N, C-alpha and C. Protein backbone atom coordinates (compact mmCIF):
# COMPACT_ATOMS: atom_id res chain seq x y z
N UNK A 1 69.01 67.59 -105.86
CA UNK A 1 69.49 67.10 -104.57
C UNK A 1 68.39 67.33 -103.54
N UNK A 2 68.16 66.33 -102.72
CA UNK A 2 67.15 66.46 -101.69
C UNK A 2 67.64 67.36 -100.56
N UNK A 3 66.70 67.85 -99.78
CA UNK A 3 67.05 68.70 -98.64
C UNK A 3 67.88 67.90 -97.63
N UNK A 4 67.55 66.63 -97.45
CA UNK A 4 68.31 65.79 -96.52
C UNK A 4 69.75 65.61 -97.00
N UNK A 5 69.94 65.41 -98.30
CA UNK A 5 71.28 65.26 -98.86
C UNK A 5 72.07 66.56 -98.72
N UNK A 6 71.41 67.68 -98.96
CA UNK A 6 72.07 68.98 -98.81
C UNK A 6 72.52 69.19 -97.37
N UNK A 7 71.68 68.81 -96.41
CA UNK A 7 72.04 68.96 -95.00
C UNK A 7 73.20 68.03 -94.63
N UNK A 8 73.17 66.82 -95.16
CA UNK A 8 74.26 65.87 -94.92
C UNK A 8 75.58 66.42 -95.49
N UNK A 9 75.52 66.96 -96.69
CA UNK A 9 76.72 67.54 -97.31
C UNK A 9 77.24 68.71 -96.48
N UNK A 10 76.34 69.55 -96.01
CA UNK A 10 76.74 70.70 -95.20
C UNK A 10 77.46 70.22 -93.94
N UNK A 11 76.91 69.22 -93.27
CA UNK A 11 77.53 68.70 -92.06
C UNK A 11 78.89 68.08 -92.36
N UNK A 12 79.02 67.44 -93.52
CA UNK A 12 80.30 66.86 -93.91
C UNK A 12 81.34 67.96 -94.11
N UNK A 13 80.94 69.06 -94.75
CA UNK A 13 81.85 70.18 -94.97
C UNK A 13 82.26 70.80 -93.63
N UNK A 14 81.31 70.99 -92.75
CA UNK A 14 81.61 71.59 -91.44
C UNK A 14 82.57 70.69 -90.65
N UNK A 15 82.31 69.40 -90.63
CA UNK A 15 83.19 68.47 -89.90
C UNK A 15 84.59 68.44 -90.53
N UNK A 16 84.65 68.42 -91.85
CA UNK A 16 85.95 68.42 -92.54
C UNK A 16 86.69 69.72 -92.26
N UNK A 17 85.98 70.83 -92.32
CA UNK A 17 86.60 72.13 -92.04
C UNK A 17 87.10 72.20 -90.61
N UNK A 18 86.33 71.69 -89.68
CA UNK A 18 86.73 71.70 -88.28
C UNK A 18 88.07 70.98 -88.11
N UNK A 19 88.18 69.81 -88.73
CA UNK A 19 89.42 69.05 -88.64
C UNK A 19 90.58 69.76 -89.34
N UNK A 20 90.33 70.21 -90.56
CA UNK A 20 91.40 70.83 -91.34
C UNK A 20 91.86 72.15 -90.73
N UNK A 21 90.94 72.94 -90.21
CA UNK A 21 91.31 74.20 -89.58
C UNK A 21 92.16 73.96 -88.34
N UNK A 22 91.85 72.92 -87.59
CA UNK A 22 92.67 72.59 -86.41
C UNK A 22 94.06 72.14 -86.84
N UNK A 23 94.14 71.39 -87.93
CA UNK A 23 95.43 70.86 -88.39
C UNK A 23 96.28 71.91 -89.10
N UNK A 24 95.64 72.76 -89.94
CA UNK A 24 96.40 73.62 -90.84
C UNK A 24 96.08 75.10 -90.71
N UNK A 25 95.14 75.47 -89.86
CA UNK A 25 94.72 76.86 -89.75
C UNK A 25 93.66 77.19 -90.79
N UNK A 26 93.12 78.39 -90.68
CA UNK A 26 92.01 78.78 -91.56
C UNK A 26 92.46 79.23 -92.95
N UNK A 27 93.76 79.15 -93.22
CA UNK A 27 94.25 79.50 -94.56
C UNK A 27 93.97 78.40 -95.58
N UNK A 28 93.40 77.28 -95.15
CA UNK A 28 93.04 76.19 -96.06
C UNK A 28 92.13 76.76 -97.14
N UNK A 29 92.38 76.41 -98.38
CA UNK A 29 91.55 76.92 -99.47
C UNK A 29 90.21 76.20 -99.52
N UNK A 30 89.22 76.89 -100.05
CA UNK A 30 87.89 76.29 -100.23
C UNK A 30 88.02 75.07 -101.14
N UNK A 31 88.82 75.17 -102.20
CA UNK A 31 88.99 74.05 -103.12
C UNK A 31 89.55 72.82 -102.40
N UNK A 32 90.58 73.01 -101.58
CA UNK A 32 91.17 71.89 -100.85
C UNK A 32 90.20 71.30 -99.83
N UNK A 33 89.48 72.18 -99.16
CA UNK A 33 88.53 71.74 -98.15
C UNK A 33 87.41 70.91 -98.79
N UNK A 34 86.86 71.43 -99.88
CA UNK A 34 85.76 70.72 -100.55
C UNK A 34 86.25 69.40 -101.14
N UNK A 35 87.47 69.38 -101.67
CA UNK A 35 88.03 68.13 -102.19
C UNK A 35 88.14 67.11 -101.07
N UNK A 36 88.62 67.53 -99.91
CA UNK A 36 88.74 66.62 -98.76
C UNK A 36 87.38 66.12 -98.30
N UNK A 37 86.34 66.93 -98.48
CA UNK A 37 84.98 66.52 -98.10
C UNK A 37 84.33 65.67 -99.18
N UNK A 38 84.99 65.54 -100.33
CA UNK A 38 84.45 64.74 -101.42
C UNK A 38 83.38 65.46 -102.23
N UNK A 39 83.44 66.80 -102.22
CA UNK A 39 82.45 67.60 -102.93
C UNK A 39 83.16 68.60 -103.85
N UNK A 40 82.40 69.23 -104.73
CA UNK A 40 82.99 70.20 -105.65
C UNK A 40 83.03 71.58 -105.01
N UNK A 41 84.02 72.40 -105.38
CA UNK A 41 84.11 73.74 -104.81
C UNK A 41 82.88 74.60 -105.09
N UNK A 42 82.26 74.40 -106.23
CA UNK A 42 81.06 75.18 -106.56
C UNK A 42 79.93 74.97 -105.57
N UNK A 43 79.87 73.81 -104.98
CA UNK A 43 78.83 73.52 -104.00
C UNK A 43 78.97 74.31 -102.71
N UNK A 44 80.17 74.81 -102.46
CA UNK A 44 80.41 75.55 -101.22
C UNK A 44 79.46 76.72 -101.10
N UNK A 45 79.34 77.50 -102.16
CA UNK A 45 78.56 78.74 -102.09
C UNK A 45 77.05 78.50 -102.11
N UNK A 46 76.64 77.27 -102.37
CA UNK A 46 75.23 76.92 -102.21
C UNK A 46 74.92 76.68 -100.74
N UNK A 47 75.95 76.34 -99.97
CA UNK A 47 75.77 76.00 -98.56
C UNK A 47 76.14 77.13 -97.60
N UNK A 48 77.10 77.96 -97.97
CA UNK A 48 77.65 78.97 -97.07
C UNK A 48 77.74 80.31 -97.77
N UNK A 49 77.50 81.38 -97.05
CA UNK A 49 77.59 82.71 -97.61
C UNK A 49 79.02 83.15 -97.83
N UNK A 50 79.92 82.66 -96.98
CA UNK A 50 81.33 83.04 -97.07
C UNK A 50 82.17 82.04 -96.30
N UNK A 51 83.47 82.13 -96.49
CA UNK A 51 84.38 81.28 -95.74
C UNK A 51 84.28 81.61 -94.25
N UNK A 52 84.09 82.87 -93.93
CA UNK A 52 83.96 83.27 -92.53
C UNK A 52 82.77 82.58 -91.86
N UNK A 53 81.66 82.43 -92.61
CA UNK A 53 80.50 81.71 -92.07
C UNK A 53 80.88 80.27 -91.74
N UNK A 54 81.65 79.65 -92.63
CA UNK A 54 82.09 78.28 -92.39
C UNK A 54 83.03 78.21 -91.20
N UNK A 55 83.94 79.16 -91.08
CA UNK A 55 84.86 79.18 -89.93
C UNK A 55 84.05 79.23 -88.64
N UNK A 56 83.04 80.09 -88.59
CA UNK A 56 82.20 80.19 -87.39
C UNK A 56 81.53 78.85 -87.07
N UNK A 57 80.97 78.21 -88.08
CA UNK A 57 80.31 76.92 -87.86
C UNK A 57 81.30 75.83 -87.46
N UNK A 58 82.47 75.85 -88.07
CA UNK A 58 83.49 74.84 -87.75
C UNK A 58 83.96 75.00 -86.31
N UNK A 59 84.11 76.23 -85.85
CA UNK A 59 84.51 76.46 -84.46
C UNK A 59 83.42 75.94 -83.52
N UNK A 60 82.18 76.26 -83.82
CA UNK A 60 81.06 75.78 -82.99
C UNK A 60 81.03 74.25 -82.98
N UNK A 61 81.28 73.64 -84.14
CA UNK A 61 81.31 72.17 -84.24
C UNK A 61 82.41 71.59 -83.35
N UNK A 62 83.57 72.22 -83.36
CA UNK A 62 84.68 71.76 -82.53
C UNK A 62 84.32 71.82 -81.06
N UNK A 63 83.73 72.93 -80.63
CA UNK A 63 83.32 73.06 -79.23
C UNK A 63 82.25 72.03 -78.87
N UNK A 64 81.30 71.78 -79.78
CA UNK A 64 80.26 70.78 -79.52
C UNK A 64 80.88 69.39 -79.37
N UNK A 65 81.85 69.06 -80.25
CA UNK A 65 82.53 67.76 -80.15
C UNK A 65 83.26 67.63 -78.82
N UNK A 66 83.94 68.68 -78.42
CA UNK A 66 84.69 68.65 -77.16
C UNK A 66 83.75 68.51 -75.98
N UNK A 67 82.63 69.20 -76.01
CA UNK A 67 81.66 69.12 -74.93
C UNK A 67 81.07 67.71 -74.84
N UNK A 68 80.78 67.12 -75.98
CA UNK A 68 80.24 65.76 -75.99
C UNK A 68 81.27 64.77 -75.48
N UNK A 69 82.52 64.97 -75.87
CA UNK A 69 83.60 64.09 -75.42
C UNK A 69 83.78 64.20 -73.92
N UNK A 70 83.75 65.43 -73.41
CA UNK A 70 83.93 65.66 -71.97
C UNK A 70 82.77 65.06 -71.18
N UNK A 71 81.56 65.19 -71.71
CA UNK A 71 80.38 64.65 -71.02
C UNK A 71 80.41 63.12 -71.00
N UNK A 72 81.03 62.51 -72.01
CA UNK A 72 81.08 61.06 -72.08
C UNK A 72 82.21 60.47 -71.25
N UNK A 73 83.19 61.28 -70.89
CA UNK A 73 84.35 60.79 -70.13
C UNK A 73 83.95 60.53 -68.67
N UNK A 74 84.52 59.51 -68.07
CA UNK A 74 84.27 59.27 -66.66
C UNK A 74 84.74 60.46 -65.82
N UNK A 75 84.09 60.67 -64.71
CA UNK A 75 84.45 61.80 -63.85
C UNK A 75 85.94 61.77 -63.53
N UNK A 76 86.57 62.93 -63.66
CA UNK A 76 88.00 63.02 -63.40
C UNK A 76 88.84 62.66 -64.60
N UNK A 77 88.23 62.21 -65.69
CA UNK A 77 88.98 61.80 -66.88
C UNK A 77 88.75 62.73 -68.06
N UNK A 78 87.99 63.80 -67.89
CA UNK A 78 87.67 64.71 -69.00
C UNK A 78 88.93 65.41 -69.48
N UNK A 79 88.94 65.67 -70.81
CA UNK A 79 89.96 66.49 -71.43
C UNK A 79 91.28 65.87 -71.49
């Protein structure tokens, strides 16, 4: 797998985790999360040291998305 593909997969997992954690909480299993991202559970540990590392990245991703959304909204229309 190329480095670019690995980075793309990592971003897909983070985005999927961000969505799933918001919908279902952080009790989502790694297997379910990776299945939703279209990847195998074994690939998780090639990308992340632990589920907690992923939770941290997913939270940061959520805040980044919200900040981008707020910045794109017309004045007085944010949030």
